[in-house]
Structure formats: structure tokens, C-alpha cells
């Protein structure tokens, strides 16, 4: 798999999810649909990274 450890994947995933929630909230407050969509995409990416990290733990 990639060069990152499972812990790094999970950490990056959590950061992406948090960043995505902030972008989505900012987009909702300002009415910016593009920013809301970016936030949702970041959250999806973060969820994927977290799951990838957990999967690496399973196959250690």
C-alpha cells in the first residue's frame, strides 16, 4: 500500500473531515453552494482516508 502509516491515514482523514465540515458550514452561512460542495467532498475524502487507515491495521 502507500508510504503512509495507518495512523497517518486516520489522522489525515480526521483533519479532512473537520475541514470539510467547516467549509460546508461556511458555505451554508454565506449561501455559497460551491463551498458547501467542496466541504462535502472533503468530508468524503476524509472518511475514505480513515477507512483506509483502519484497513491497514486489519492487514498488519
Foldseek 3Di string as FASTA:
>chain_A
DDPDALVVLLVQLVVLLVVLVVQLVVCVVVVNVVSNVSSVVSNVSSVVSNVVSVVNVVVD
